[in-house]
Amino acid sequence: MKIKFILLLLLSFSFSQNRYEKAMGKGLEMFNNSESREDYIKSSNFFYRIYQAKKDSWLASYYYSFSNIRISMMEKESFVKDEYLDKALNIVSEFDSVAVLSLDSLAKSEIYTLKAMIYSAKIMIDPMTRGRELGPVSADMIQQAINYFNGNPRPYLINGQMKFYTPAAFGGGIDKAMPMIEKSINNFDNFTAQTFWPDWGREEAEKMYKQGKIKLESKK
């Protein structure tokens, strides 16, 4: 009787895992093919449904959050941008609790990188007002992401982007950005993502590196 019960549990788990993997595959296809605000809203809603069905899935939360970051970037009104960024932050912040203990170091690194991106996006809404308050918060998220997994290319990319667009007078500049971007590219050369796990950023890093090289050459 016990053996039959265990077999039923295993079959149930296998079926639910198969449904989850199919849903994640479909969701990632939606996300990667999204171009418009409406596309990302559909992606956000889809991943939220996966999250509701499987709340221990940090990946569903991650892509829901990422979709809302993209939506925020497409909005014009500052308060609307903030609303989507708050939605993005709230869902990944749930993994600040005991649940985060069950995640491996790379997963934690990816989550903290995404949080750094959210705070950076909030700064860009009103740099003069928010930079002093949220800049250190974003920097702390990046450092935690690196501490959890220093082979992750994405925290270096986000750090480089922040410095790239921050004036030298406020601690940024091309000179400070380039080593971070170069480190990101080097990490990409040695990084292989697991199925469904974040694998974005290489194109952005290479494009920014080329832009940085051009700007540095023009200074000579």
N, C-alpha and C. Protein backbone atom coordinates (compact mmCIF):
# COMPACT_ATOMS: atom_id res chain seq x y z
N MET A 1 0.83 -1.22 0.00
CA MET A 1 0.00 0.00 0.00
C MET A 1 0.86 1.26 0.00
N LYS A 2 1.90 1.24 0.84
CA LYS A 2 2.80 2.39 0.91
C LYS A 2 3.52 2.59 -0.41
N ILE A 3 3.91 1.47 -1.05
CA ILE A 3 4.63 1.56 -2.33
C ILE A 3 3.74 2.18 -3.40
N LYS A 4 2.45 1.76 -3.41
CA LYS A 4 1.51 2.33 -4.38
C LYS A 4 1.34 3.83 -4.15
N PHE A 5 1.26 4.23 -2.89
CA PHE A 5 1.09 5.65 -2.55
C PHE A 5 2.30 6.47 -3.01
N ILE A 6 3.50 5.91 -2.78
CA ILE A 6 4.72 6.60 -3.20
C ILE A 6 4.78 6.72 -4.73
N LEU A 7 4.39 5.65 -5.42
CA LEU A 7 4.37 5.68 -6.89
C LEU A 7 3.40 6.74 -7.42
N LEU A 8 2.25 6.83 -6.77
CA LEU A 8 1.26 7.84 -7.17
C LEU A 8 1.81 9.25 -6.97
N LEU A 9 2.51 9.44 -5.85
CA LEU A 9 3.11 10.75 -5.59
C LEU A 9 4.16 11.09 -6.64
N LEU A 10 4.98 10.10 -6.99
CA LEU A 10 6.02 10.32 -8.00
C LEU A 10 5.42 10.63 -9.36
N LEU A 11 4.36 9.92 -9.72
CA LEU A 11 3.69 10.17 -11.00
C LEU A 11 3.06 11.56 -11.02
N SER A 12 2.46 11.94 -9.88
CA SER A 12 1.85 13.27 -9.78
C SER A 12 2.90 14.36 -9.90
N PHE A 13 4.04 14.16 -9.22
CA PHE A 13 5.13 15.14 -9.29
C PHE A 13 5.66 15.25 -10.72
N SER A 14 5.84 14.08 -11.37
CA SER A 14 6.37 14.06 -12.73
C SER A 14 5.44 14.81 -13.68
N PHE A 15 4.13 14.59 -13.52
CA PHE A 15 3.14 15.26 -14.37
C PHE A 15 3.15 16.77 -14.14
N SER A 16 3.16 17.18 -12.87
CA SER A 16 3.15 18.61 -12.57
C SER A 16 4.45 19.27 -13.02
N GLN A 17 5.59 18.56 -12.90
CA GLN A 17 6.87 19.09 -13.34
C GLN A 17 6.87 19.26 -14.87
N ASN A 18 6.27 18.31 -15.55
CA ASN A 18 6.19 18.37 -17.00
C ASN A 18 5.34 19.56 -17.45
N ARG A 19 4.25 19.79 -16.75
CA ARG A 19 3.39 20.94 -17.06
C ARG A 19 4.13 22.24 -16.79
N TYR A 20 4.88 22.27 -15.69
CA TYR A 20 5.66 23.47 -15.34
C TYR A 20 6.69 23.77 -16.42
N GLU A 21 7.41 22.74 -16.86
CA GLU A 21 8.45 22.95 -17.86
C GLU A 21 7.86 23.42 -19.19
N LYS A 22 6.72 22.87 -19.57
CA LYS A 22 6.07 23.31 -20.80
C LYS A 22 5.63 24.77 -20.68
N ALA A 23 5.09 25.12 -19.52
CA ALA A 23 4.63 26.50 -19.30
C ALA A 23 5.81 27.46 -19.32
N MET A 24 6.93 27.09 -18.69
CA MET A 24 8.11 27.95 -18.68
C MET A 24 8.66 28.12 -20.10
N GLY A 25 8.66 27.05 -20.86
CA GLY A 25 9.12 27.14 -22.24
C GLY A 25 8.28 28.09 -23.07
N LYS A 26 6.97 27.98 -22.91
CA LYS A 26 6.07 28.88 -23.61
C LYS A 26 6.25 30.32 -23.15
N GLY A 27 6.38 30.51 -21.83
CA GLY A 27 6.55 31.85 -21.28
C GLY A 27 7.82 32.51 -21.77
N LEU A 28 8.92 31.75 -21.80
CA LEU A 28 10.19 32.31 -22.27
C LEU A 28 10.13 32.67 -23.75
N GLU A 29 9.42 31.88 -24.52
CA GLU A 29 9.24 32.21 -25.93
C GLU A 29 8.48 33.53 -26.07
N MET A 30 7.45 33.71 -25.26
CA MET A 30 6.69 34.95 -25.26
C MET A 30 7.58 36.13 -24.87
N PHE A 31 8.35 35.95 -23.81
CA PHE A 31 9.20 37.02 -23.31
C PHE A 31 10.27 37.41 -24.33
N ASN A 32 10.94 36.41 -24.88
CA ASN A 32 12.03 36.67 -25.82
C ASN A 32 11.55 37.29 -27.13
N ASN A 33 10.29 37.04 -27.48
CA ASN A 33 9.74 37.59 -28.71
C ASN A 33 8.97 38.89 -28.49
N SER A 34 8.90 39.34 -27.24
CA SER A 34 8.16 40.56 -26.94
C SER A 34 8.87 41.79 -27.49
N GLU A 35 8.08 42.71 -28.05
CA GLU A 35 8.61 43.96 -28.58
C GLU A 35 7.84 45.17 -28.06
N SER A 36 6.54 45.00 -27.90
CA SER A 36 5.69 46.12 -27.50
C SER A 36 5.32 46.03 -26.03
N ARG A 37 4.77 47.11 -25.52
CA ARG A 37 4.28 47.14 -24.14
C ARG A 37 3.25 46.05 -23.92
N GLU A 38 2.37 45.88 -24.90
CA GLU A 38 1.31 44.87 -24.79
C GLU A 38 1.89 43.46 -24.74
N ASP A 39 2.95 43.23 -25.51
CA ASP A 39 3.61 41.92 -25.50
C ASP A 39 4.14 41.60 -24.10
N TYR A 40 4.79 42.59 -23.49
CA TYR A 40 5.37 42.36 -22.16
C TYR A 40 4.29 42.22 -21.09
N ILE A 41 3.18 42.88 -21.27
CA ILE A 41 2.07 42.70 -20.33
C ILE A 41 1.56 41.26 -20.40
N LYS A 42 1.44 40.72 -21.62
CA LYS A 42 1.02 39.33 -21.77
C LYS A 42 2.04 38.39 -21.13
N SER A 43 3.31 38.68 -21.33
CA SER A 43 4.37 37.87 -20.72
C SER A 43 4.30 37.94 -19.20
N SER A 44 4.11 39.15 -18.67
CA SER A 44 4.00 39.34 -17.23
C SER A 44 2.84 38.53 -16.66
N ASN A 45 1.68 38.63 -17.29
CA ASN A 45 0.50 37.90 -16.82
C ASN A 45 0.71 36.39 -16.87
N PHE A 46 1.38 35.93 -17.92
CA PHE A 46 1.60 34.49 -18.08
C PHE A 46 2.51 33.96 -16.97
N PHE A 47 3.60 34.67 -16.71
CA PHE A 47 4.52 34.21 -15.66
C PHE A 47 3.90 34.34 -14.27
N TYR A 48 3.02 35.30 -14.11
CA TYR A 48 2.35 35.42 -12.81
C TYR A 48 1.45 34.20 -12.55
N ARG A 49 0.82 33.71 -13.61
CA ARG A 49 -0.02 32.51 -13.46
C ARG A 49 0.84 31.29 -13.10
N ILE A 50 2.02 31.20 -13.70
CA ILE A 50 2.93 30.11 -13.33
C ILE A 50 3.34 30.24 -11.87
N TYR A 51 3.65 31.46 -11.47
CA TYR A 51 4.03 31.72 -10.07
C TYR A 51 2.91 31.33 -9.11
N GLN A 52 1.67 31.64 -9.47
CA GLN A 52 0.53 31.29 -8.62
C GLN A 52 0.40 29.78 -8.46
N ALA A 53 0.72 29.05 -9.52
CA ALA A 53 0.61 27.59 -9.48
C ALA A 53 1.81 26.94 -8.81
N LYS A 54 2.96 27.64 -8.85
CA LYS A 54 4.19 27.05 -8.31
C LYS A 54 4.99 28.17 -7.64
N LYS A 55 4.60 28.51 -6.43
CA LYS A 55 5.15 29.68 -5.75
C LYS A 55 6.59 29.52 -5.28
N ASP A 56 7.11 28.30 -5.35
CA ASP A 56 8.50 28.13 -4.99
C ASP A 56 9.42 28.28 -6.21
N SER A 57 8.82 28.64 -7.37
CA SER A 57 9.62 28.82 -8.57
C SER A 57 10.16 30.24 -8.65
N TRP A 58 11.42 30.42 -8.34
CA TRP A 58 12.01 31.76 -8.43
C TRP A 58 12.09 32.21 -9.88
N LEU A 59 12.13 31.26 -10.82
CA LEU A 59 12.23 31.63 -12.23
C LEU A 59 10.96 32.30 -12.74
N ALA A 60 9.80 31.80 -12.32
CA ALA A 60 8.54 32.44 -12.73
C ALA A 60 8.48 33.86 -12.18
N SER A 61 8.89 34.03 -10.91
CA SER A 61 8.93 35.36 -10.31
C SER A 61 9.93 36.25 -11.03
N TYR A 62 11.06 35.69 -11.39
CA TYR A 62 12.12 36.44 -12.06
C TYR A 62 11.62 37.03 -13.38
N TYR A 63 11.00 36.20 -14.21
CA TYR A 63 10.58 36.68 -15.52
C TYR A 63 9.33 37.55 -15.44
N TYR A 64 8.50 37.33 -14.42
CA TYR A 64 7.40 38.27 -14.17
C TYR A 64 7.99 39.64 -13.84
N SER A 65 8.99 39.65 -12.98
CA SER A 65 9.64 40.89 -12.58
C SER A 65 10.31 41.56 -13.79
N PHE A 66 11.04 40.79 -14.56
CA PHE A 66 11.76 41.32 -15.72
C PHE A 66 10.78 41.91 -16.74
N SER A 67 9.64 41.24 -16.93
CA SER A 67 8.63 41.76 -17.84
C SER A 67 8.13 43.13 -17.39
N ASN A 68 7.94 43.28 -16.09
CA ASN A 68 7.46 44.56 -15.57
C ASN A 68 8.52 45.66 -15.65
N ILE A 69 9.79 45.28 -15.56
CA ILE A 69 10.87 46.25 -15.77
C ILE A 69 10.80 46.78 -17.20
N ARG A 70 10.62 45.88 -18.15
CA ARG A 70 10.54 46.27 -19.56
C ARG A 70 9.32 47.16 -19.81
N ILE A 71 8.21 46.82 -19.17
CA ILE A 71 7.01 47.65 -19.33
C ILE A 71 7.28 49.05 -18.79
N SER A 72 7.90 49.13 -17.63
CA SER A 72 8.21 50.42 -17.01
C SER A 72 9.03 51.29 -17.95
N MET A 73 9.99 50.69 -18.64
CA MET A 73 10.85 51.44 -19.55
C MET A 73 10.08 52.02 -20.74
N MET A 74 8.93 51.43 -21.03
CA MET A 74 8.15 51.88 -22.18
C MET A 74 7.09 52.90 -21.79
N GLU A 75 6.89 53.08 -20.49
CA GLU A 75 5.90 54.05 -20.02
C GLU A 75 6.48 55.47 -20.05
N LYS A 76 5.61 56.46 -20.13
CA LYS A 76 6.03 57.86 -20.17
C LYS A 76 5.91 58.54 -18.81
N GLU A 77 4.83 58.27 -18.10
CA GLU A 77 4.59 58.92 -16.82
C GLU A 77 5.44 58.29 -15.71
N SER A 78 6.09 59.15 -14.94
CA SER A 78 6.98 58.66 -13.89
C SER A 78 6.27 57.78 -12.87
N PHE A 79 5.06 58.17 -12.47
CA PHE A 79 4.35 57.39 -11.45
C PHE A 79 3.96 56.02 -11.97
N VAL A 80 3.71 55.92 -13.29
CA VAL A 80 3.37 54.62 -13.88
C VAL A 80 4.63 53.75 -13.95
N LYS A 81 5.76 54.36 -14.31
CA LYS A 81 7.02 53.64 -14.31
C LYS A 81 7.28 53.05 -12.93
N ASP A 82 7.07 53.86 -11.90
CA ASP A 82 7.29 53.40 -10.52
C ASP A 82 6.36 52.26 -10.15
N GLU A 83 5.13 52.32 -10.59
CA GLU A 83 4.17 51.27 -10.26
C GLU A 83 4.64 49.91 -10.77
N TYR A 84 5.12 49.89 -12.01
CA TYR A 84 5.59 48.62 -12.58
C TYR A 84 6.89 48.16 -11.92
N LEU A 85 7.74 49.10 -11.59
CA LEU A 85 8.99 48.72 -10.90
C LEU A 85 8.71 48.21 -9.50
N ASP A 86 7.71 48.77 -8.84
CA ASP A 86 7.33 48.28 -7.51
C ASP A 86 6.79 46.86 -7.60
N LYS A 87 5.99 46.59 -8.64
CA LYS A 87 5.49 45.23 -8.84
C LYS A 87 6.65 44.26 -9.07
N ALA A 88 7.63 44.72 -9.85
CA ALA A 88 8.80 43.90 -10.14
C ALA A 88 9.58 43.60 -8.87
N LEU A 89 9.75 44.62 -8.03
CA LEU A 89 10.53 44.46 -6.80
C LEU A 89 9.82 43.61 -5.77
N ASN A 90 8.52 43.81 -5.65
CA ASN A 90 7.77 43.11 -4.61
C ASN A 90 7.82 41.59 -4.76
N ILE A 91 7.72 41.13 -6.01
CA ILE A 91 7.63 39.68 -6.18
C ILE A 91 8.98 39.01 -5.95
N VAL A 92 10.09 39.64 -6.35
CA VAL A 92 11.40 39.00 -6.12
C VAL A 92 11.86 39.20 -4.68
N SER A 93 11.32 40.21 -4.02
CA SER A 93 11.70 40.45 -2.62
C SER A 93 11.15 39.37 -1.70
N GLU A 94 10.18 38.60 -2.18
CA GLU A 94 9.67 37.48 -1.38
C GLU A 94 10.77 36.47 -1.09
N PHE A 95 11.78 36.44 -1.95
CA PHE A 95 12.88 35.49 -1.75
C PHE A 95 13.92 36.02 -0.77
N ASP A 96 13.64 37.17 -0.15
CA ASP A 96 14.49 37.64 0.94
C ASP A 96 14.21 36.87 2.22
N SER A 97 13.11 36.15 2.23
CA SER A 97 12.68 35.42 3.42
C SER A 97 13.41 34.09 3.52
N VAL A 98 12.89 33.21 4.34
CA VAL A 98 13.50 31.89 4.56
C VAL A 98 13.62 31.11 3.26
N ALA A 99 12.71 31.39 2.31
CA ALA A 99 12.72 30.64 1.05
C ALA A 99 14.04 30.76 0.30
N VAL A 100 14.72 31.89 0.50
CA VAL A 100 15.97 32.10 -0.23
C VAL A 100 17.04 31.10 0.18
N LEU A 101 16.91 30.53 1.37
CA LEU A 101 17.89 29.57 1.85
C LEU A 101 17.92 28.31 0.99
N SER A 102 16.80 28.02 0.31
CA SER A 102 16.74 26.82 -0.51
C SER A 102 17.30 27.04 -1.91
N LEU A 103 17.64 28.28 -2.26
CA LEU A 103 18.17 28.58 -3.58
C LEU A 103 19.69 28.41 -3.60
N ASP A 104 20.21 28.05 -4.77
CA ASP A 104 21.66 27.96 -4.85
C ASP A 104 22.26 29.34 -5.09
N SER A 105 23.58 29.42 -5.07
CA SER A 105 24.26 30.71 -5.09
C SER A 105 24.04 31.47 -6.39
N LEU A 106 23.98 30.78 -7.51
CA LEU A 106 23.76 31.47 -8.78
C LEU A 106 22.36 32.06 -8.85
N ALA A 107 21.36 31.31 -8.35
CA ALA A 107 19.99 31.83 -8.34
C ALA A 107 19.91 33.10 -7.51
N LYS A 108 20.56 33.10 -6.34
CA LYS A 108 20.58 34.30 -5.50
C LYS A 108 21.26 35.46 -6.22
N SER A 109 22.35 35.14 -6.92
CA SER A 109 23.07 36.17 -7.67
C SER A 109 22.19 36.79 -8.74
N GLU A 110 21.42 35.96 -9.43
CA GLU A 110 20.53 36.48 -10.49
C GLU A 110 19.42 37.36 -9.90
N ILE A 111 18.89 36.95 -8.77
CA ILE A 111 17.82 37.72 -8.13
C ILE A 111 18.34 39.07 -7.67
N TYR A 112 19.51 39.10 -7.05
CA TYR A 112 20.06 40.38 -6.59
C TYR A 112 20.47 41.27 -7.76
N THR A 113 20.90 40.68 -8.87
CA THR A 113 21.19 41.46 -10.06
C THR A 113 19.93 42.14 -10.57
N LEU A 114 18.84 41.40 -10.58
CA LEU A 114 17.57 41.97 -11.04
C LEU A 114 17.11 43.09 -10.13
N LYS A 115 17.31 42.91 -8.82
CA LYS A 115 16.95 43.97 -7.88
C LYS A 115 17.80 45.22 -8.10
N ALA A 116 19.07 45.03 -8.41
CA ALA A 116 19.94 46.17 -8.73
C ALA A 116 19.43 46.90 -9.97
N MET A 117 18.96 46.13 -10.95
CA MET A 117 18.41 46.73 -12.16
C MET A 117 17.16 47.56 -11.84
N ILE A 118 16.33 47.05 -10.96
CA ILE A 118 15.11 47.77 -10.58
C ILE A 118 15.45 49.10 -9.92
N TYR A 119 16.38 49.07 -8.97
CA TYR A 119 16.76 50.31 -8.30
C TYR A 119 17.43 51.28 -9.27
N SER A 120 18.22 50.77 -10.20
CA SER A 120 18.84 51.63 -11.21
C SER A 120 17.78 52.30 -12.07
N ALA A 121 16.75 51.53 -12.44
CA ALA A 121 15.66 52.09 -13.24
C ALA A 121 14.90 53.16 -12.46
N LYS A 122 14.74 52.95 -11.16
CA LYS A 122 14.08 53.96 -10.33
C LYS A 122 14.92 55.25 -10.27
N ILE A 123 16.23 55.09 -10.20
CA ILE A 123 17.10 56.27 -10.18
C ILE A 123 16.94 57.07 -11.47
N MET A 124 16.86 56.37 -12.60
CA MET A 124 16.78 57.04 -13.90
C MET A 124 15.50 57.85 -14.06
N ILE A 125 14.48 57.54 -13.28
CA ILE A 125 13.24 58.32 -13.34
C ILE A 125 13.47 59.74 -12.85
N ASP A 126 14.31 59.86 -11.82
CA ASP A 126 14.61 61.18 -11.24
C ASP A 126 16.01 61.15 -10.64
N PRO A 127 17.05 61.21 -11.48
CA PRO A 127 18.42 61.02 -11.01
C PRO A 127 18.85 62.00 -9.93
N MET A 128 18.51 63.26 -10.07
CA MET A 128 18.98 64.26 -9.12
C MET A 128 18.41 64.05 -7.72
N THR A 129 17.17 63.58 -7.66
CA THR A 129 16.52 63.36 -6.37
C THR A 129 16.84 62.00 -5.78
N ARG A 130 16.88 60.99 -6.64
CA ARG A 130 16.97 59.62 -6.15
C ARG A 130 18.38 59.04 -6.12
N GLY A 131 19.29 59.66 -6.86
CA GLY A 131 20.62 59.09 -6.98
C GLY A 131 21.31 58.89 -5.66
N ARG A 132 21.26 59.88 -4.80
CA ARG A 132 21.96 59.80 -3.50
C ARG A 132 21.35 58.73 -2.60
N GLU A 133 20.03 58.59 -2.66
CA GLU A 133 19.36 57.62 -1.79
C GLU A 133 19.46 56.19 -2.32
N LEU A 134 19.15 56.02 -3.62
CA LEU A 134 19.03 54.68 -4.17
C LEU A 134 20.32 54.16 -4.81
N GLY A 135 21.25 55.07 -5.12
CA GLY A 135 22.52 54.64 -5.70
C GLY A 135 23.24 53.62 -4.83
N PRO A 136 23.41 53.91 -3.52
CA PRO A 136 24.06 52.94 -2.64
C PRO A 136 23.28 51.63 -2.51
N VAL A 137 21.95 51.71 -2.60
CA VAL A 137 21.12 50.50 -2.49
C VAL A 137 21.39 49.60 -3.70
N SER A 138 21.38 50.21 -4.90
CA SER A 138 21.65 49.44 -6.11
C SER A 138 23.06 48.86 -6.07
N ALA A 139 24.02 49.66 -5.62
CA ALA A 139 25.41 49.19 -5.53
C ALA A 139 25.53 48.01 -4.57
N ASP A 140 24.77 48.05 -3.46
CA ASP A 140 24.78 46.95 -2.50
C ASP A 140 24.19 45.68 -3.11
N MET A 141 23.12 45.83 -3.91
CA MET A 141 22.52 44.68 -4.58
C MET A 141 23.53 44.03 -5.53
N ILE A 142 24.27 44.86 -6.27
CA ILE A 142 25.28 44.36 -7.19
C ILE A 142 26.37 43.61 -6.45
N GLN A 143 26.83 44.19 -5.35
CA GLN A 143 27.90 43.55 -4.58
C GLN A 143 27.44 42.21 -4.02
N GLN A 144 26.18 42.15 -3.55
CA GLN A 144 25.67 40.88 -3.04
C GLN A 144 25.58 39.85 -4.15
N ALA A 145 25.16 40.31 -5.35
CA ALA A 145 25.08 39.40 -6.49
C ALA A 145 26.45 38.82 -6.83
N ILE A 146 27.47 39.67 -6.79
CA ILE A 146 28.84 39.22 -7.06
C ILE A 146 29.33 38.29 -5.96
N ASN A 147 29.02 38.63 -4.72
CA ASN A 147 29.44 37.79 -3.60
C ASN A 147 28.85 36.39 -3.68
N TYR A 148 27.59 36.30 -4.11
CA TYR A 148 26.94 34.99 -4.19
C TYR A 148 27.55 34.15 -5.31
N PHE A 149 27.90 34.82 -6.46
CA PHE A 149 28.45 34.06 -7.59
C PHE A 149 29.24 35.02 -8.46
N ASN A 150 30.54 35.07 -8.25
CA ASN A 150 31.34 36.07 -8.96
C ASN A 150 31.59 35.74 -10.42
N GLY A 151 31.17 34.55 -10.85
CA GLY A 151 31.27 34.20 -12.26
C GLY A 151 30.07 34.63 -13.08
N ASN A 152 29.07 35.22 -12.42
CA ASN A 152 27.87 35.68 -13.11
C ASN A 152 28.22 36.96 -13.89
N PRO A 153 28.01 37.00 -15.20
CA PRO A 153 28.38 38.19 -15.97
C PRO A 153 27.43 39.37 -15.78
N ARG A 154 26.20 39.11 -15.33
CA ARG A 154 25.18 40.16 -15.33
C ARG A 154 25.36 41.25 -14.26
N PRO A 155 25.79 40.95 -13.04
CA PRO A 155 25.99 42.06 -12.09
C PRO A 155 27.08 43.03 -12.55
N TYR A 156 28.11 42.52 -13.21
CA TYR A 156 29.15 43.41 -13.74
C TYR A 156 28.59 44.28 -14.87
N LEU A 157 27.70 43.69 -15.67
CA LEU A 157 27.07 44.46 -16.74
C LEU A 157 26.24 45.60 -16.18
N ILE A 158 25.39 45.31 -15.19
CA ILE A 158 24.55 46.34 -14.58
C ILE A 158 25.41 47.41 -13.93
N ASN A 159 26.47 47.01 -13.26
CA ASN A 159 27.39 47.95 -12.64
C ASN A 159 28.03 48.85 -13.70
N GLY A 160 28.47 48.24 -14.80
CA GLY A 160 29.07 49.00 -15.89
C GLY A 160 28.09 49.97 -16.53
N GLN A 161 26.85 49.53 -16.71
CA GLN A 161 25.83 50.41 -17.29
C GLN A 161 25.58 51.61 -16.39
N MET A 162 25.51 51.38 -15.09
CA MET A 162 25.28 52.49 -14.15
C MET A 162 26.41 53.52 -14.25
N LYS A 163 27.64 53.03 -14.28
CA LYS A 163 28.78 53.94 -14.34
C LYS A 163 28.88 54.62 -15.70
N PHE A 164 28.50 53.90 -16.74
CA PHE A 164 28.55 54.42 -18.11
C PHE A 164 27.67 55.66 -18.26
N TYR A 165 26.50 55.62 -17.64
CA TYR A 165 25.54 56.72 -17.80
C TYR A 165 25.55 57.72 -16.63
N THR A 166 26.42 57.47 -15.65
CA THR A 166 26.53 58.41 -14.53
C THR A 166 27.70 59.35 -14.78
N PRO A 167 27.49 60.65 -14.67
CA PRO A 167 28.59 61.61 -14.89
C PRO A 167 29.75 61.35 -13.92
N ALA A 168 30.95 61.67 -14.39
CA ALA A 168 32.15 61.46 -13.57
C ALA A 168 32.07 62.22 -12.25
N ALA A 169 31.41 63.38 -12.28
CA ALA A 169 31.28 64.20 -11.06
C ALA A 169 30.48 63.49 -9.97
N PHE A 170 29.68 62.49 -10.38
CA PHE A 170 28.86 61.75 -9.42
C PHE A 170 29.35 60.31 -9.23
N GLY A 171 30.60 60.07 -9.60
CA GLY A 171 31.19 58.76 -9.35
C GLY A 171 31.14 57.79 -10.52
N GLY A 172 30.66 58.26 -11.67
CA GLY A 172 30.60 57.40 -12.84
C GLY A 172 31.66 57.76 -13.85
N GLY A 173 31.35 57.49 -15.12
CA GLY A 173 32.27 57.81 -16.19
C GLY A 173 32.71 56.59 -16.97
N ILE A 174 33.14 56.81 -18.22
CA ILE A 174 33.57 55.72 -19.10
C ILE A 174 34.75 54.96 -18.51
N ASP A 175 35.70 55.69 -17.93
CA ASP A 175 36.90 55.05 -17.39
C ASP A 175 36.56 54.00 -16.32
N LYS A 176 35.54 54.28 -15.52
CA LYS A 176 35.14 53.34 -14.47
C LYS A 176 34.21 52.25 -15.00
N ALA A 177 33.50 52.57 -16.07
CA ALA A 177 32.56 51.60 -16.62
C ALA A 177 33.25 50.48 -17.39
N MET A 178 34.29 50.83 -18.14
CA MET A 178 34.91 49.87 -19.05
C MET A 178 35.45 48.61 -18.38
N PRO A 179 36.13 48.70 -17.23
CA PRO A 179 36.60 47.45 -16.60
C PRO A 179 35.45 46.52 -16.20
N MET A 180 34.31 47.10 -15.80
CA MET A 180 33.15 46.28 -15.44
C MET A 180 32.56 45.60 -16.67
N ILE A 181 32.46 46.34 -17.77
CA ILE A 181 31.92 45.77 -19.01
C ILE A 181 32.85 44.68 -19.53
N GLU A 182 34.14 44.93 -19.46
CA GLU A 182 35.11 43.93 -19.92
C GLU A 182 35.04 42.67 -19.05
N LYS A 183 34.89 42.85 -17.74
CA LYS A 183 34.74 41.71 -16.84
C LYS A 183 33.48 40.92 -17.18
N SER A 184 32.40 41.62 -17.49
CA SER A 184 31.15 40.96 -17.87
C SER A 184 31.34 40.10 -19.11
N ILE A 185 31.99 40.66 -20.13
CA ILE A 185 32.22 39.92 -21.38
C ILE A 185 33.10 38.69 -21.11
N ASN A 186 34.14 38.85 -20.32
CA ASN A 186 35.01 37.72 -19.98
C ASN A 186 34.23 36.62 -19.27
N ASN A 187 33.32 37.02 -18.38
CA ASN A 187 32.50 36.03 -17.68
C ASN A 187 31.55 35.32 -18.63
N PHE A 188 31.02 36.07 -19.61
CA PHE A 188 30.13 35.45 -20.59
C PHE A 188 30.87 34.35 -21.36
N ASP A 189 32.16 34.54 -21.60
CA ASP A 189 32.94 33.54 -22.33
C ASP A 189 33.02 32.22 -21.59
N ASN A 190 32.83 32.26 -20.28
CA ASN A 190 32.97 31.05 -19.45
C ASN A 190 31.67 30.66 -18.76
N PHE A 191 30.56 31.24 -19.22
CA PHE A 191 29.28 31.03 -18.52
C PHE A 191 28.33 30.22 -19.39
N THR A 192 27.70 29.21 -18.78
CA THR A 192 26.67 28.43 -19.47
C THR A 192 25.44 28.39 -18.58
N ALA A 193 24.32 28.88 -19.10
CA ALA A 193 23.09 28.94 -18.31
C ALA A 193 22.37 27.59 -18.31
N GLN A 194 21.73 27.29 -17.21
CA GLN A 194 20.88 26.12 -17.13
C GLN A 194 19.58 26.39 -17.89
N THR A 195 18.85 25.33 -18.16
CA THR A 195 17.58 25.47 -18.86
C THR A 195 16.64 26.41 -18.11
N PHE A 196 16.09 27.37 -18.82
CA PHE A 196 15.16 28.39 -18.32
C PHE A 196 15.85 29.49 -17.51
N TRP A 197 17.10 29.31 -17.14
CA TRP A 197 17.77 30.30 -16.29
C TRP A 197 18.19 31.51 -17.12
N PRO A 198 18.38 32.66 -16.48
CA PRO A 198 18.75 33.88 -17.20
C PRO A 198 20.01 33.67 -18.06
N ASP A 199 19.95 34.18 -19.29
CA ASP A 199 21.07 34.04 -20.21
C ASP A 199 21.19 35.28 -21.09
N TRP A 200 20.74 36.40 -20.56
CA TRP A 200 20.73 37.64 -21.34
C TRP A 200 21.95 38.50 -21.01
N GLY A 201 22.22 39.48 -21.87
CA GLY A 201 23.19 40.52 -21.54
C GLY A 201 24.44 40.59 -22.39
N ARG A 202 24.80 39.50 -23.07
CA ARG A 202 26.06 39.53 -23.81
C ARG A 202 26.04 40.60 -24.91
N GLU A 203 24.96 40.65 -25.68
CA GLU A 203 24.88 41.64 -26.76
C GLU A 203 24.97 43.06 -26.22
N GLU A 204 24.28 43.31 -25.09
CA GLU A 204 24.32 44.64 -24.47
C GLU A 204 25.74 44.98 -24.03
N ALA A 205 26.43 43.99 -23.43
CA ALA A 205 27.79 44.22 -22.94
C ALA A 205 28.74 44.53 -24.10
N GLU A 206 28.64 43.76 -25.17
CA GLU A 206 29.53 43.97 -26.31
C GLU A 206 29.25 45.31 -27.01
N LYS A 207 27.98 45.66 -27.12
CA LYS A 207 27.62 46.95 -27.73
C LYS A 207 28.16 48.11 -26.90
N MET A 208 27.98 48.04 -25.58
CA MET A 208 28.45 49.11 -24.71
C MET A 208 29.97 49.19 -24.70
N TYR A 209 30.63 48.04 -24.79
CA TYR A 209 32.10 48.04 -24.82
C TYR A 209 32.61 48.77 -26.07
N LYS A 210 31.97 48.51 -27.20
CA LYS A 210 32.35 49.19 -28.44
C LYS A 210 32.12 50.70 -28.34
N GLN A 211 30.98 51.08 -27.75
CA GLN A 211 30.68 52.50 -27.57
C GLN A 211 31.72 53.15 -26.65
N GLY A 212 32.09 52.43 -25.60
CA GLY A 212 33.07 52.95 -24.66
C GLY A 212 34.44 53.14 -25.31
N LYS A 213 34.84 52.16 -26.15
CA LYS A 213 36.13 52.25 -26.83
C LYS A 213 36.17 53.47 -27.75
N ILE A 214 35.07 53.71 -28.44
CA ILE A 214 34.99 54.87 -29.35
C ILE A 214 35.12 56.17 -28.56
N LYS A 215 34.42 56.25 -27.43
CA LYS A 215 34.47 57.47 -26.61
C LYS A 215 35.85 57.70 -26.02
N LEU A 216 36.49 56.61 -25.59
CA LEU A 216 37.84 56.74 -25.03
C LEU A 216 38.83 57.17 -26.11
N GLU A 217 38.67 56.66 -27.32
CA GLU A 217 39.55 57.04 -28.42
C GLU A 217 39.38 58.52 -28.78
N SER A 218 38.12 58.99 -28.68
CA SER A 218 37.85 60.39 -29.03
C SER A 218 38.45 61.37 -28.03
N LYS A 219 38.75 60.89 -26.82
CA LYS A 219 39.35 61.75 -25.79
C LYS A 219 40.84 61.99 -26.03
N LYS A 220 41.44 61.09 -26.82
CA LYS A 220 42.89 61.16 -27.02
C LYS A 220 43.26 62.34 -27.94
